[in-house]
């Protein structure tokens, strides 16, 4: 496993810990890492290739359905190609049915000096991601952190029992329905 892949997996673990504070119910969709033990002798060659999964997590809050893909980067932008075509399609399917198709992006450069460190996490709607890629940043290959700060919803980091947990920033209404303050408008 490469360092970048390992960082991405660590971020998925953090999100897995965090979703209980954001959603009523969630489930980690098994992926290549989850099925690795199956490929290493338990069932032989039944799974010669890793299956394509729609995203990392599925969940509910109230009557709302969520499909969530996690991405992690150490730079000041996230390459558009990090979100695979099949993931984009699945996130769009959820949106077309009235649910939330979300990308959770963590910017973490792993710097030790506090004044140089970046460790911020944002939620971005798949529609906003596509608009940025196809219109606002058509000439670029990545989505800059500055755009995400202005257009995404930032999650705040907390340390609970020595674990990193991302929670809703309860400073106001969450456009994605996160946080205790969210109430359905009748």
Foldseek 3Di string as FASTA:
>chain_A
DDPQVVVQVLVLVQAVVAVVQFAVDKDFDDWCVNCVVVPPPVVDCPPVDIDDDLAGMWGHHDHAIEGEHEEEDQDQWAFLVVQPPSNLVSQVVSVVVPHFRKYKYWHFNPDPDPVPTGTWIWIDTSVVSVCCCVPVPVVDRTGGNVVCVVHTFTWDWDQDPNGTHTAHPVPDEDPNQTDPVRDDDD
